């Protein structure tokens, strides 16, 4: 399938990380979502009922990233992907990106991050 709803650059403040200081101080994270689904019905009807609202996708990601704590950004990404697939049966696959620009790494870097893709069973 080649239809996608994308939401990029969602900035959140969270307390994710392995180190105790990351829980105490917190830091900024950037999230990105790419939902694969058939957008033809929405394109033909011009009706939001035939698609998934990017506001709803964003709300799930923001809620999980700000109200829960994860040691690993991999776990945060997995949680977001699982919740989106559970809530929206028309989404065939979801790609979640989590970037951590202030990772405590002894090097000069722009950011670290993970990207995962989870597909609904039976989807290609």
N, C-alpha and C. Protein backbone atom coordinates (compact mmCIF):
# COMPACT_ATOMS: atom_id res chain seq x y z
N UNK A 1 0.85 -1.18 0.00
CA UNK A 1 0.00 0.00 0.00
C UNK A 1 0.89 1.24 0.00
N UNK A 2 0.48 2.27 -0.70
CA UNK A 2 1.33 3.44 -0.78
C UNK A 2 0.71 4.68 -0.16
N UNK A 3 -0.41 4.53 0.55
CA UNK A 3 -1.05 5.68 1.19
C UNK A 3 -0.56 5.81 2.62
N UNK A 4 -0.27 7.03 3.04
CA UNK A 4 0.29 7.26 4.37
C UNK A 4 -0.25 8.55 4.97
N UNK A 5 -0.48 8.53 6.26
CA UNK A 5 -0.72 9.73 7.04
C UNK A 5 0.54 9.92 7.88
N UNK A 6 1.16 11.09 7.76
CA UNK A 6 2.40 11.35 8.49
C UNK A 6 2.23 12.52 9.44
N UNK A 7 2.80 12.38 10.60
CA UNK A 7 2.89 13.46 11.57
C UNK A 7 4.35 13.48 12.01
N UNK A 8 5.02 14.60 11.83
CA UNK A 8 6.46 14.65 12.10
C UNK A 8 6.80 15.80 13.04
N UNK A 9 7.84 15.62 13.81
CA UNK A 9 8.36 16.70 14.65
C UNK A 9 7.51 17.03 15.86
N UNK A 10 6.84 16.04 16.43
CA UNK A 10 6.06 16.27 17.64
C UNK A 10 7.05 16.41 18.80
N UNK A 11 7.11 17.57 19.40
CA UNK A 11 8.03 17.82 20.52
C UNK A 11 7.31 17.57 21.83
N UNK A 12 7.93 16.77 22.69
CA UNK A 12 7.36 16.48 24.02
C UNK A 12 8.47 16.55 25.06
N UNK A 13 8.07 16.77 26.30
CA UNK A 13 9.00 16.72 27.42
C UNK A 13 8.70 15.45 28.19
N UNK A 14 9.71 14.60 28.34
CA UNK A 14 9.52 13.33 29.03
C UNK A 14 10.68 13.03 29.95
N UNK A 15 10.53 11.97 30.72
CA UNK A 15 11.53 11.57 31.71
C UNK A 15 12.05 10.16 31.40
N UNK A 16 12.29 9.90 30.14
CA UNK A 16 12.71 8.58 29.69
C UNK A 16 14.22 8.46 29.69
N UNK A 17 14.70 7.29 30.07
CA UNK A 17 16.12 7.02 30.05
C UNK A 17 16.52 6.07 31.14
N UNK A 18 17.67 5.50 30.98
CA UNK A 18 18.19 4.51 31.93
C UNK A 18 18.74 5.18 33.19
N UNK A 19 19.33 6.34 33.03
CA UNK A 19 19.99 7.01 34.16
C UNK A 19 18.99 7.68 35.11
N UNK A 20 19.27 7.64 36.41
CA UNK A 20 18.38 8.28 37.38
C UNK A 20 18.20 9.78 37.11
N UNK A 21 19.24 10.45 36.63
CA UNK A 21 19.16 11.88 36.35
C UNK A 21 18.13 12.18 35.25
N UNK A 22 17.96 11.25 34.33
CA UNK A 22 16.99 11.46 33.25
C UNK A 22 15.56 11.45 33.78
N UNK A 23 15.33 10.66 34.80
CA UNK A 23 14.01 10.65 35.43
C UNK A 23 13.77 11.94 36.21
N UNK A 24 14.79 12.42 36.89
CA UNK A 24 14.65 13.62 37.72
C UNK A 24 14.54 14.87 36.85
N UNK A 25 15.45 15.03 35.90
CA UNK A 25 15.52 16.26 35.11
C UNK A 25 14.58 16.26 33.91
N UNK A 26 14.42 15.13 33.28
CA UNK A 26 13.63 15.06 32.05
C UNK A 26 14.35 15.74 30.90
N UNK A 27 13.77 15.63 29.72
CA UNK A 27 14.36 16.24 28.53
C UNK A 27 13.35 16.21 27.39
N UNK A 28 13.71 16.89 26.32
CA UNK A 28 12.85 16.95 25.14
C UNK A 28 13.07 15.72 24.26
N UNK A 29 11.99 15.27 23.67
CA UNK A 29 12.00 14.18 22.70
C UNK A 29 11.21 14.64 21.48
N UNK A 30 11.53 14.09 20.33
CA UNK A 30 10.77 14.36 19.12
C UNK A 30 10.21 13.05 18.59
N UNK A 31 8.94 13.08 18.24
CA UNK A 31 8.25 11.88 17.78
C UNK A 31 7.79 12.08 16.34
N UNK A 32 7.76 10.99 15.60
CA UNK A 32 7.23 11.00 14.24
C UNK A 32 6.39 9.76 14.02
N UNK A 33 5.30 9.92 13.29
CA UNK A 33 4.37 8.82 13.02
C UNK A 33 4.12 8.73 11.52
N UNK A 34 4.05 7.51 11.02
CA UNK A 34 3.72 7.28 9.61
C UNK A 34 2.75 6.09 9.58
N UNK A 35 1.47 6.40 9.38
CA UNK A 35 0.42 5.37 9.38
C UNK A 35 0.11 4.98 7.94
N UNK A 36 0.21 3.70 7.67
CA UNK A 36 -0.09 3.17 6.34
C UNK A 36 -1.52 2.66 6.33
N UNK A 37 -2.32 3.21 5.41
CA UNK A 37 -3.71 2.79 5.30
C UNK A 37 -4.26 3.20 3.94
N UNK A 38 -5.40 2.68 3.58
CA UNK A 38 -6.04 3.04 2.33
C UNK A 38 -6.76 4.37 2.50
N UNK A 39 -6.26 5.40 1.82
CA UNK A 39 -6.85 6.73 1.92
C UNK A 39 -7.83 7.03 0.79
N UNK A 40 -8.04 6.08 -0.12
CA UNK A 40 -8.95 6.30 -1.24
C UNK A 40 -10.37 6.64 -0.78
N UNK A 41 -10.94 5.92 0.19
CA UNK A 41 -12.30 6.27 0.62
C UNK A 41 -12.41 7.71 1.12
N UNK A 42 -11.42 8.17 1.88
CA UNK A 42 -11.44 9.55 2.36
C UNK A 42 -11.24 10.53 1.21
N UNK A 43 -10.37 10.19 0.28
CA UNK A 43 -10.13 11.06 -0.86
C UNK A 43 -11.35 11.21 -1.74
N UNK A 44 -12.11 10.14 -1.90
CA UNK A 44 -13.33 10.19 -2.72
C UNK A 44 -14.47 10.90 -2.01
N UNK A 45 -14.59 10.69 -0.70
CA UNK A 45 -15.75 11.22 0.03
C UNK A 45 -15.51 12.60 0.64
N UNK A 46 -14.26 12.97 0.85
CA UNK A 46 -13.92 14.22 1.55
C UNK A 46 -14.56 14.24 2.94
N UNK A 47 -14.58 13.06 3.58
CA UNK A 47 -15.23 12.89 4.89
C UNK A 47 -14.21 12.32 5.87
N UNK A 48 -14.00 13.02 6.98
CA UNK A 48 -13.02 12.59 7.99
C UNK A 48 -13.38 11.23 8.59
N UNK A 49 -14.61 10.82 8.50
CA UNK A 49 -15.03 9.53 9.03
C UNK A 49 -14.38 8.37 8.26
N UNK A 50 -13.84 8.65 7.08
CA UNK A 50 -13.22 7.61 6.26
C UNK A 50 -11.70 7.59 6.35
N UNK A 51 -11.17 8.25 7.38
CA UNK A 51 -9.72 8.28 7.57
C UNK A 51 -9.43 8.23 9.06
N UNK A 52 -8.19 8.45 9.43
CA UNK A 52 -7.80 8.57 10.83
C UNK A 52 -7.26 9.98 11.01
N UNK A 53 -7.77 10.67 11.99
CA UNK A 53 -7.36 12.05 12.23
C UNK A 53 -5.92 12.11 12.73
N UNK A 54 -5.13 12.98 12.12
CA UNK A 54 -3.76 13.14 12.60
C UNK A 54 -3.74 13.72 14.00
N UNK A 55 -4.80 14.43 14.39
CA UNK A 55 -4.90 14.93 15.77
C UNK A 55 -5.03 13.77 16.75
N UNK A 56 -5.79 12.75 16.40
CA UNK A 56 -5.94 11.57 17.27
C UNK A 56 -4.63 10.80 17.37
N UNK A 57 -3.92 10.64 16.26
CA UNK A 57 -2.63 9.97 16.29
C UNK A 57 -1.65 10.72 17.19
N UNK A 58 -1.62 12.03 17.03
CA UNK A 58 -0.72 12.86 17.83
C UNK A 58 -1.05 12.76 19.30
N UNK A 59 -2.34 12.78 19.63
CA UNK A 59 -2.75 12.72 21.04
C UNK A 59 -2.28 11.44 21.71
N UNK A 60 -2.34 10.32 21.01
CA UNK A 60 -1.87 9.05 21.57
C UNK A 60 -0.37 9.13 21.86
N UNK A 61 0.39 9.60 20.89
CA UNK A 61 1.84 9.68 21.07
C UNK A 61 2.21 10.63 22.21
N UNK A 62 1.57 11.78 22.27
CA UNK A 62 1.88 12.77 23.32
C UNK A 62 1.51 12.21 24.69
N UNK A 63 0.35 11.61 24.80
CA UNK A 63 -0.08 11.07 26.09
C UNK A 63 0.89 10.01 26.61
N UNK A 64 1.26 9.07 25.76
CA UNK A 64 2.18 8.01 26.20
C UNK A 64 3.56 8.56 26.53
N UNK A 65 4.03 9.53 25.75
CA UNK A 65 5.37 10.07 25.96
C UNK A 65 5.46 10.99 27.17
N UNK A 66 4.35 11.56 27.59
CA UNK A 66 4.39 12.52 28.71
C UNK A 66 3.82 11.96 30.01
N UNK A 67 2.97 10.96 29.94
CA UNK A 67 2.33 10.46 31.15
C UNK A 67 2.92 9.15 31.66
N UNK A 68 3.76 8.51 30.86
CA UNK A 68 4.43 7.28 31.30
C UNK A 68 5.92 7.49 31.25
N UNK A 69 6.65 6.64 31.94
CA UNK A 69 8.11 6.71 31.91
C UNK A 69 8.65 5.39 31.38
N UNK A 70 9.58 5.49 30.47
CA UNK A 70 10.23 4.32 29.89
C UNK A 70 11.73 4.48 30.06
N UNK A 71 12.40 3.38 30.35
CA UNK A 71 13.86 3.42 30.40
C UNK A 71 14.44 3.48 29.00
N UNK A 72 13.78 2.81 28.06
CA UNK A 72 14.29 2.74 26.68
C UNK A 72 13.33 3.44 25.73
N UNK A 73 13.90 4.19 24.79
CA UNK A 73 13.03 4.81 23.79
C UNK A 73 12.44 3.75 22.86
N UNK A 74 13.07 2.59 22.80
CA UNK A 74 12.49 1.47 22.05
C UNK A 74 11.14 1.07 22.65
N UNK A 75 11.06 1.07 23.97
CA UNK A 75 9.82 0.71 24.66
C UNK A 75 8.75 1.78 24.46
N UNK A 76 9.15 3.03 24.45
CA UNK A 76 8.19 4.11 24.17
C UNK A 76 7.63 3.95 22.76
N UNK A 77 8.49 3.73 21.78
CA UNK A 77 8.03 3.54 20.41
C UNK A 77 7.10 2.35 20.28
N UNK A 78 7.44 1.26 20.94
CA UNK A 78 6.61 0.05 20.90
C UNK A 78 5.23 0.31 21.50
N UNK A 79 5.20 1.04 22.59
CA UNK A 79 3.93 1.36 23.25
C UNK A 79 3.04 2.22 22.35
N UNK A 80 3.63 3.21 21.70
CA UNK A 80 2.87 4.07 20.79
C UNK A 80 2.32 3.26 19.62
N UNK A 81 3.17 2.44 19.02
CA UNK A 81 2.74 1.62 17.88
C UNK A 81 1.60 0.68 18.27
N UNK A 82 1.75 0.02 19.42
CA UNK A 82 0.71 -0.91 19.86
C UNK A 82 -0.62 -0.23 20.11
N UNK A 83 -0.58 0.93 20.74
CA UNK A 83 -1.83 1.65 21.03
C UNK A 83 -2.51 2.13 19.75
N UNK A 84 -1.73 2.62 18.80
CA UNK A 84 -2.33 3.09 17.54
C UNK A 84 -2.95 1.93 16.78
N UNK A 85 -2.26 0.80 16.68
CA UNK A 85 -2.85 -0.35 15.99
C UNK A 85 -4.09 -0.87 16.71
N UNK A 86 -4.09 -0.82 18.03
CA UNK A 86 -5.26 -1.28 18.80
C UNK A 86 -6.46 -0.36 18.59
N UNK A 87 -6.23 0.92 18.49
CA UNK A 87 -7.33 1.88 18.40
C UNK A 87 -7.88 2.09 17.00
N UNK A 88 -7.07 1.84 15.97
CA UNK A 88 -7.49 2.16 14.61
C UNK A 88 -7.32 0.95 13.69
N UNK A 89 -8.37 0.15 13.55
CA UNK A 89 -8.26 -1.08 12.76
C UNK A 89 -8.02 -0.86 11.27
N UNK A 90 -8.24 0.34 10.77
CA UNK A 90 -8.00 0.60 9.34
C UNK A 90 -6.53 0.85 9.03
N UNK A 91 -5.72 1.04 10.05
CA UNK A 91 -4.29 1.23 9.83
C UNK A 91 -3.62 -0.13 9.66
N UNK A 92 -2.98 -0.32 8.52
CA UNK A 92 -2.33 -1.60 8.22
C UNK A 92 -0.96 -1.70 8.89
N UNK A 93 -0.27 -0.56 8.99
CA UNK A 93 1.06 -0.54 9.60
C UNK A 93 1.32 0.85 10.14
N UNK A 94 2.16 0.90 11.17
CA UNK A 94 2.54 2.17 11.76
C UNK A 94 4.05 2.19 11.96
N UNK A 95 4.66 3.27 11.54
CA UNK A 95 6.08 3.49 11.80
C UNK A 95 6.17 4.61 12.83
N UNK A 96 6.92 4.35 13.89
CA UNK A 96 7.10 5.33 14.96
C UNK A 96 8.58 5.66 15.07
N UNK A 97 8.86 6.94 15.11
CA UNK A 97 10.24 7.40 15.29
C UNK A 97 10.31 8.17 16.60
N UNK A 98 11.31 7.88 17.41
CA UNK A 98 11.57 8.61 18.65
C UNK A 98 13.01 9.11 18.59
N UNK A 99 13.17 10.42 18.65
CA UNK A 99 14.50 11.03 18.67
C UNK A 99 14.76 11.64 20.04
N UNK A 100 15.98 11.47 20.49
CA UNK A 100 16.40 11.96 21.81
C UNK A 100 17.61 12.87 21.59
N UNK A 101 17.38 14.18 21.45
CA UNK A 101 18.49 15.07 21.10
C UNK A 101 19.49 15.31 22.23
N UNK A 102 19.10 15.10 23.47
CA UNK A 102 20.02 15.37 24.59
C UNK A 102 20.47 14.09 25.28
N UNK A 103 20.66 13.05 24.51
CA UNK A 103 21.09 11.77 25.09
C UNK A 103 22.44 11.94 25.80
N UNK A 104 22.58 11.34 26.98
CA UNK A 104 23.83 11.46 27.73
C UNK A 104 24.93 10.58 27.14
N UNK A 105 25.45 11.01 26.02
CA UNK A 105 26.50 10.28 25.30
C UNK A 105 27.73 11.19 25.28
N UNK A 106 28.89 10.68 25.60
CA UNK A 106 30.09 11.52 25.64
C UNK A 106 30.64 11.81 24.24
N UNK A 107 29.82 12.49 23.45
CA UNK A 107 30.22 12.86 22.10
C UNK A 107 29.35 14.04 21.66
N UNK A 108 29.80 14.74 20.65
CA UNK A 108 28.98 15.81 20.08
C UNK A 108 28.12 15.18 19.00
N UNK A 109 26.82 15.21 19.23
CA UNK A 109 25.90 14.62 18.27
C UNK A 109 24.62 15.43 18.23
N UNK A 110 23.92 15.31 17.13
CA UNK A 110 22.66 16.04 16.98
C UNK A 110 21.54 15.36 17.75
N UNK A 111 21.47 14.04 17.66
CA UNK A 111 20.43 13.29 18.34
C UNK A 111 20.67 11.80 18.14
N UNK A 112 20.07 11.03 19.01
CA UNK A 112 19.99 9.58 18.81
C UNK A 112 18.52 9.25 18.65
N UNK A 113 18.23 8.09 18.11
CA UNK A 113 16.82 7.76 17.93
C UNK A 113 16.61 6.34 17.49
N UNK A 114 15.35 5.97 17.50
CA UNK A 114 14.93 4.66 17.00
C UNK A 114 13.74 4.86 16.07
N UNK A 115 13.63 3.94 15.13
CA UNK A 115 12.46 3.89 14.24
C UNK A 115 12.02 2.45 14.18
N UNK A 116 10.72 2.24 14.47
CA UNK A 116 10.17 0.89 14.39
C UNK A 116 8.95 0.90 13.46
N UNK A 117 8.70 -0.22 12.83
CA UNK A 117 7.49 -0.40 12.03
C UNK A 117 6.79 -1.65 12.52
N UNK A 118 5.52 -1.52 12.82
CA UNK A 118 4.71 -2.66 13.25
C UNK A 118 3.53 -2.78 12.31
N UNK A 119 3.32 -4.00 11.83
CA UNK A 119 2.23 -4.28 10.90
C UNK A 119 1.15 -5.11 11.57
N UNK A 120 -0.05 -4.83 11.18
CA UNK A 120 -1.17 -5.64 11.64
C UNK A 120 -1.02 -7.02 11.02
N UNK A 121 -1.36 -8.06 11.75
CA UNK A 121 -1.27 -9.42 11.22
C UNK A 121 -2.08 -9.51 9.94
N UNK A 122 -1.47 -10.11 8.92
CA UNK A 122 -2.14 -10.25 7.64
C UNK A 122 -1.85 -9.10 6.69
N UNK A 123 -1.21 -8.03 7.14
CA UNK A 123 -0.84 -6.92 6.27
C UNK A 123 0.56 -7.14 5.71
N UNK A 124 0.79 -6.67 4.54
CA UNK A 124 2.11 -6.81 3.94
C UNK A 124 2.92 -5.59 4.16
